[in-house]
Amino acid sequence: MTDRLSSVSISDHGGPYDVVSGPDGALWVTLVHAGAIARATPDGDVRTYPLGAPESGPTVITPGPDGGLWFTRYRDHRIGRVMTDGSVVAYDPPHLQSGPYGIATGPDGALWFTMMNRHSIGRITTAGETREYPLPVAGGFPSAIVAATDALWFTLNQGNAIGRVDLDGAVDILPLPTPDAGPVGLTHDGESVWFVEILAGQIGRVDPDGSIEEFPLPDREARPHAIVADPTGGCWFTEWAANRLGWIGPAGQFSHHDLAAAGSEPHGLTLEPDGGVYVAMESGTLARVHRVQ
């Protein structure tokens, strides 16, 4: 079995940053430089939905429980939703200038998001009702967030820690073994939480007992950025500075896939039902790595 690389061009649409598979079977992409959301299909059909605010900075996107795609607007400090018919709405977080970044649907059916500038976790219902949970650590810059069975986990990019918030807003903080590791993306595989350390060049894992293990990349300067679990027990992750897609197995074994032919600056990624992976390349494409016999 080998891996094949292909791509979908959206070069005229303003910097793909994150990508998810939508309920309509299409790929939904944040266009961070254009202030828009794109809908793309594997055959190259691309439609864009402007947000009416070119400098809004749509960043991370996730499927919501209401059939919409919810996303953060980091630069104008709002939470957005686009339905599959292209209709767009925006909601104000609990505080202005909050810098929302990561977002995920929680086990309670609400959307939970990080507020980097407020050092808080936010919660918004599908009706637009918001709430804020301040973190016990100031200056940590909460970044990515992911749902688990009964809680949500998040990275503290400048706090060198992984956090957990339960559905009542209680927060636990787990310091990382490596100083100044710079955790960013994280994912949950059903048991453990995996995360990337962009400054240390490592992949980390929090096991169910709370212990943390770190796996140094062969290229410590690769600057891993986002990560997603796959059904095999491993995870795919982007290597932003090295222009690669990486894979780590459950025992810490690595493989790597060059993305140069599809563009540069890989950021967010999403897993397809058949095991293929789409990667948002900020230079203007969606790269696809898929397995062939």
Protein backbone atom coordinates (compact mmCIF):
# COMPACT_ATOMS: atom_id res chain seq x y z
CA MET A 1 0.00 0.00 0.00
CA THR A 2 1.31 3.47 -0.94
CA ASP A 3 0.21 7.08 -0.41
CA ARG A 4 -0.88 9.34 -3.26
CA LEU A 5 -0.98 13.14 -3.19
CA SER A 6 -3.56 15.23 -5.01
CA SER A 7 -4.97 18.72 -4.49
CA VAL A 8 -7.94 21.03 -4.99
CA SER A 9 -7.00 24.58 -5.94
CA ILE A 10 -8.66 27.49 -4.16
CA SER A 11 -5.76 29.86 -4.78
CA ASP A 12 -7.96 32.86 -5.55
CA HIS A 13 -9.86 32.64 -2.30
CA GLY A 14 -7.70 34.03 0.44
CA GLY A 15 -5.57 31.63 2.46
CA PRO A 16 -7.12 28.30 3.53
CA TYR A 17 -6.45 27.85 7.26
CA ASP A 18 -8.70 25.07 8.58
CA VAL A 19 -10.84 22.39 6.94
CA VAL A 20 -13.58 20.00 8.07
CA SER A 21 -15.95 17.58 6.40
CA GLY A 22 -19.48 18.97 6.47
CA PRO A 23 -22.81 17.16 6.87
CA ASP A 24 -23.39 17.62 3.12
CA GLY A 25 -20.27 15.60 2.23
CA ALA A 26 -18.32 18.68 1.10
CA LEU A 27 -15.22 20.23 2.62
CA TRP A 28 -15.68 23.52 4.48
CA VAL A 29 -12.68 25.80 4.74
CA THR A 30 -11.86 29.01 6.60
CA LEU A 31 -10.23 31.65 4.39
CA VAL A 32 -8.34 33.62 6.96
CA HIS A 33 -7.10 36.39 4.64
CA ALA A 34 -10.35 36.90 2.72
CA GLY A 35 -12.87 36.98 5.54
CA ALA A 36 -14.86 34.18 3.96
CA ILE A 37 -15.80 30.51 4.19
CA ALA A 38 -15.32 28.19 1.22
CA ARG A 39 -17.15 25.01 0.28
CA ALA A 40 -15.11 22.64 -1.86
CA THR A 41 -15.71 19.25 -3.43
CA PRO A 42 -13.01 16.76 -4.49
CA ASP A 43 -13.77 17.43 -8.16
CA GLY A 44 -12.67 21.04 -7.77
CA ASP A 45 -15.98 22.87 -7.39
CA VAL A 46 -15.34 25.77 -5.00
CA ARG A 47 -17.90 28.26 -3.70
CA THR A 48 -17.16 31.09 -1.31
CA TYR A 49 -19.39 32.79 1.23
CA PRO A 50 -18.11 36.22 2.31
CA LEU A 51 -18.71 37.18 5.92
CA GLY A 52 -19.21 40.87 5.17
CA ALA A 53 -16.04 41.67 7.10
CA PRO A 54 -12.84 41.07 5.06
CA GLU A 55 -10.61 41.55 8.12
CA SER A 56 -12.58 39.17 10.39
CA GLY A 57 -9.96 36.41 10.23
CA PRO A 58 -12.05 33.21 10.22
CA THR A 59 -9.77 30.62 11.79
CA VAL A 60 -10.95 27.26 13.17
CA ILE A 61 -14.13 25.54 11.94
CA THR A 62 -16.13 22.60 13.31
CA PRO A 63 -19.43 20.82 12.53
CA GLY A 64 -22.17 21.91 14.91
CA PRO A 65 -25.06 19.90 16.35
CA ASP A 66 -27.57 21.92 14.29
CA GLY A 67 -26.31 20.97 10.83
CA GLY A 68 -24.24 24.16 10.51
CA LEU A 69 -20.51 24.78 10.50
CA TRP A 70 -19.35 26.94 13.41
CA PHE A 71 -16.12 28.90 13.32
CA THR A 72 -14.09 31.50 15.18
CA ARG A 73 -13.43 34.99 13.84
CA TYR A 74 -10.17 35.74 15.57
CA ARG A 75 -9.57 39.26 14.28
CA ASP A 76 -13.01 40.76 14.87
CA HIS A 77 -13.67 38.68 18.00
CA ARG A 78 -16.88 36.93 17.02
CA ILE A 79 -18.27 33.41 16.57
CA GLY A 80 -19.73 32.56 13.16
CA ARG A 81 -22.02 29.93 11.72
CA VAL A 82 -22.57 29.00 8.08
CA MET A 83 -25.35 26.65 7.04
CA THR A 84 -24.94 24.32 4.09
CA ASP A 85 -27.11 26.67 1.98
CA GLY A 86 -24.49 29.40 2.49
CA SER A 87 -26.42 31.55 4.96
CA VAL A 88 -24.11 33.14 7.54
CA VAL A 89 -24.71 34.61 11.00
CA ALA A 90 -22.35 35.99 13.65
CA TYR A 91 -22.50 36.13 17.44
CA ASP A 92 -20.61 38.28 19.91
CA PRO A 93 -18.68 36.39 22.64
CA PRO A 94 -19.14 37.38 26.31
CA HIS A 95 -16.47 40.10 25.96
CA LEU A 96 -15.17 42.15 23.06
CA GLN A 97 -11.51 41.83 22.01
CA SER A 98 -11.51 38.27 23.33
CA GLY A 99 -9.57 36.69 20.46
CA PRO A 100 -11.54 33.46 19.90
CA TYR A 101 -9.40 30.77 18.26
CA GLY A 102 -10.28 27.09 18.80
CA ILE A 103 -13.85 25.77 18.73
CA ALA A 104 -15.46 22.35 19.22
CA THR A 105 -18.91 20.88 19.80
CA GLY A 106 -19.09 19.69 23.39
CA PRO A 107 -20.81 16.56 24.73
CA ASP A 108 -23.61 18.85 25.99
CA GLY A 109 -24.52 20.00 22.47
CA ALA A 110 -23.09 23.52 22.90
CA LEU A 111 -20.07 25.01 21.14
CA TRP A 112 -17.03 25.58 23.35
CA PHE A 113 -14.26 27.93 22.28
CA THR A 114 -11.02 29.41 23.53
CA MET A 115 -10.56 33.15 24.13
CA MET A 116 -6.84 33.80 23.80
CA ASN A 117 -6.94 37.44 24.86
CA ARG A 118 -9.20 36.80 27.85
CA HIS A 119 -7.44 33.61 29.08
CA SER A 120 -10.89 32.04 29.27
CA ILE A 121 -13.02 29.28 27.80
CA GLY A 122 -16.31 30.30 26.23
CA ARG A 123 -19.52 28.38 25.65
CA ILE A 124 -22.22 29.29 23.14
CA THR A 125 -25.50 27.48 22.52
CA THR A 126 -27.01 27.08 19.08
CA ALA A 127 -29.44 29.84 20.11
CA GLY A 128 -26.52 32.22 20.61
CA GLU A 129 -26.44 32.32 24.42
CA THR A 130 -22.88 32.72 25.70
CA ARG A 131 -21.00 32.11 28.92
CA GLU A 132 -17.38 32.52 30.03
CA TYR A 133 -15.20 30.36 32.30
CA PRO A 134 -12.00 32.18 33.37
CA LEU A 135 -8.89 30.03 33.66
CA PRO A 136 -6.88 29.85 36.89
CA VAL A 137 -3.69 30.67 34.96
CA ALA A 138 -3.26 34.17 33.53
CA GLY A 139 -1.36 34.71 30.29
CA GLY A 140 -1.54 31.12 29.11
CA PHE A 141 -3.18 31.85 25.73
CA PRO A 142 -5.70 29.00 25.39
CA SER A 143 -5.54 27.87 21.77
CA ALA A 144 -7.05 24.67 20.34
CA ILE A 145 -9.91 22.80 22.03
CA VAL A 146 -11.36 19.32 21.55
CA ALA A 147 -14.27 17.40 23.05
CA ALA A 148 -13.96 14.16 25.02
CA THR A 149 -16.72 12.01 26.52
CA ASP A 150 -17.58 14.23 29.49
CA ALA A 151 -15.32 17.29 29.18
CA LEU A 152 -13.24 19.39 26.83
CA TRP A 153 -9.46 19.61 26.59
CA PHE A 154 -7.45 22.60 25.41
CA THR A 155 -3.88 23.75 24.95
CA LEU A 156 -2.26 26.67 26.78
CA ASN A 157 0.17 27.79 24.11
CA GLN A 158 2.19 30.17 26.28
CA GLY A 159 1.33 28.49 29.56
CA ASN A 160 3.15 25.28 28.59
CA ALA A 161 0.24 23.13 29.70
CA ILE A 162 -2.81 21.13 28.70
CA GLY A 163 -6.12 22.03 30.32
CA ARG A 164 -9.39 20.22 30.94
CA VAL A 165 -12.74 21.90 31.55
CA ASP A 166 -15.81 19.90 32.60
CA LEU A 167 -19.37 20.80 31.67
CA ASP A 168 -19.82 22.78 34.89
CA GLY A 169 -16.79 24.94 34.08
CA ALA A 170 -14.33 23.40 36.56
CA VAL A 171 -10.79 23.53 35.18
CA ASP A 172 -7.71 21.34 35.70
CA ILE A 173 -4.26 22.27 34.38
CA LEU A 174 -1.53 19.73 33.51
CA PRO A 175 1.97 21.24 33.08
CA LEU A 176 4.10 19.79 30.29
CA PRO A 177 7.46 18.12 30.99
CA THR A 178 9.31 20.11 28.31
CA PRO A 179 9.80 23.84 29.06
CA ASP A 180 8.50 26.34 26.49
CA ALA A 181 7.01 23.59 24.31
CA GLY A 182 4.29 25.80 22.77
CA PRO A 183 1.37 23.33 22.51
CA VAL A 184 -1.16 24.20 19.77
CA GLY A 185 -3.40 21.58 18.15
CA LEU A 186 -4.85 18.61 19.98
CA THR A 187 -7.20 15.68 19.37
CA HIS A 188 -8.94 12.92 21.33
CA ASP A 189 -8.77 9.30 20.15
CA GLY A 190 -11.48 7.99 22.47
CA GLU A 191 -9.06 7.29 25.32
CA SER A 192 -6.06 9.62 25.21
CA VAL A 193 -5.48 13.24 24.24
CA TRP A 194 -2.77 13.83 21.64
CA PHE A 195 -1.25 17.26 21.06
CA VAL A 196 1.53 18.96 19.13
CA GLU A 197 4.33 21.10 20.56
CA ILE A 198 5.14 23.64 17.87
CA LEU A 199 8.19 25.11 19.62
CA ALA A 200 9.70 21.86 20.92
CA GLY A 201 9.11 19.82 17.75
CA GLN A 202 7.34 17.02 19.59
CA ILE A 203 4.05 15.13 19.73
CA GLY A 204 2.58 14.61 23.18
CA ARG A 205 -0.05 12.34 24.70
CA VAL A 206 -2.09 12.56 27.88
CA ASP A 207 -3.19 9.08 28.92
CA PRO A 208 -6.39 8.38 30.89
CA ASP A 209 -4.43 8.26 34.17
CA GLY A 210 -3.18 11.81 33.57
CA SER A 211 0.39 10.84 32.72
CA ILE A 212 2.07 12.69 29.85
CA GLU A 213 4.44 11.19 27.30
CA GLU A 214 6.31 13.17 24.63
CA PHE A 215 7.68 11.89 21.30
CA PRO A 216 10.43 14.01 19.66
CA LEU A 217 10.07 14.40 15.90
CA PRO A 218 12.99 13.37 13.69
CA ASP A 219 13.02 17.01 12.53
CA ARG A 220 12.73 19.12 15.69
CA GLU A 221 12.40 22.28 13.57
CA ALA A 222 9.28 21.06 11.70
CA ARG A 223 6.88 23.14 13.87
CA PRO A 224 3.91 20.76 14.10
CA HIS A 225 0.64 22.71 14.10
CA ALA A 226 -2.59 20.66 13.97
CA ILE A 227 -3.41 17.01 14.70
CA VAL A 228 -6.30 14.59 14.20
CA ALA A 229 -6.77 11.01 15.42
CA ASP A 230 -7.40 8.22 12.93
CA PRO A 231 -9.20 4.89 13.47
CA THR A 232 -5.93 2.89 13.62
CA GLY A 233 -4.96 4.37 17.00
CA GLY A 234 -2.48 6.82 15.47
CA CYS A 235 -2.74 10.47 14.51
CA TRP A 236 -2.05 12.65 11.47
CA PHE A 237 -0.46 16.06 12.01
CA THR A 238 0.81 18.97 9.95
CA GLU A 239 4.45 20.05 9.96
CA TRP A 240 4.13 23.73 9.08
CA ALA A 241 7.80 24.69 8.72
CA ALA A 242 8.76 21.48 6.90
CA ASN A 243 5.80 21.49 4.47
CA ARG A 244 4.91 17.92 5.39
CA LEU A 245 2.10 15.77 6.71
CA GLY A 246 3.19 13.47 9.52
CA TRP A 247 1.72 10.36 11.10
CA ILE A 248 2.46 8.95 14.55
CA GLY A 249 1.47 5.46 15.61
CA PRO A 250 0.27 4.45 19.07
CA ALA A 251 3.79 3.35 20.05
CA GLY A 252 5.38 6.60 18.86
CA GLN A 253 6.53 5.47 15.41
CA PHE A 254 6.60 8.18 12.70
CA SER A 255 6.08 8.44 8.95
CA HIS A 256 6.12 11.62 6.86
CA HIS A 257 4.64 12.78 3.55
CA ASP A 258 5.98 15.69 1.49
CA LEU A 259 3.29 18.24 0.54
CA ALA A 260 5.45 20.55 -1.58
CA ALA A 261 3.70 19.60 -4.83
CA ALA A 262 0.40 20.82 -3.38
CA GLY A 263 1.58 24.18 -2.02
CA SER A 264 2.96 25.41 1.28
CA GLU A 265 2.09 26.37 4.87
CA PRO A 266 -0.02 23.36 5.96
CA HIS A 267 -2.34 24.18 8.86
CA GLY A 268 -5.64 22.44 9.67
CA LEU A 269 -6.55 18.96 8.50
CA THR A 270 -9.51 16.58 8.47
CA LEU A 271 -9.91 12.83 8.09
CA GLU A 272 -12.12 11.30 5.41
CA PRO A 273 -14.26 8.18 5.98
CA ASP A 274 -11.99 6.17 3.65
CA GLY A 275 -8.87 7.10 5.63
CA GLY A 276 -7.68 9.87 3.35
CA VAL A 277 -6.58 13.20 4.81
CA TYR A 278 -7.27 16.72 3.56
CA VAL A 279 -4.87 19.50 4.60
CA ALA A 280 -5.54 23.24 4.33
CA MET A 281 -2.50 24.85 2.69
CA GLU A 282 -2.44 28.57 3.40
CA SER A 283 -0.73 29.18 0.06
CA GLY A 284 -4.01 28.33 -1.70
CA THR A 285 -4.90 24.63 -2.01
CA LEU A 286 -6.38 21.68 -0.22
CA ALA A 287 -3.91 18.80 -0.31
CA ARG A 288 -5.21 15.24 -0.16
CA VAL A 289 -3.14 12.25 0.89
CA HIS A 290 -4.93 8.95 0.30
CA ARG A 291 -3.99 5.31 0.36
CA VAL A 292 -3.92 3.19 -2.80
CA GLN A 293 -3.20 -0.51 -3.25
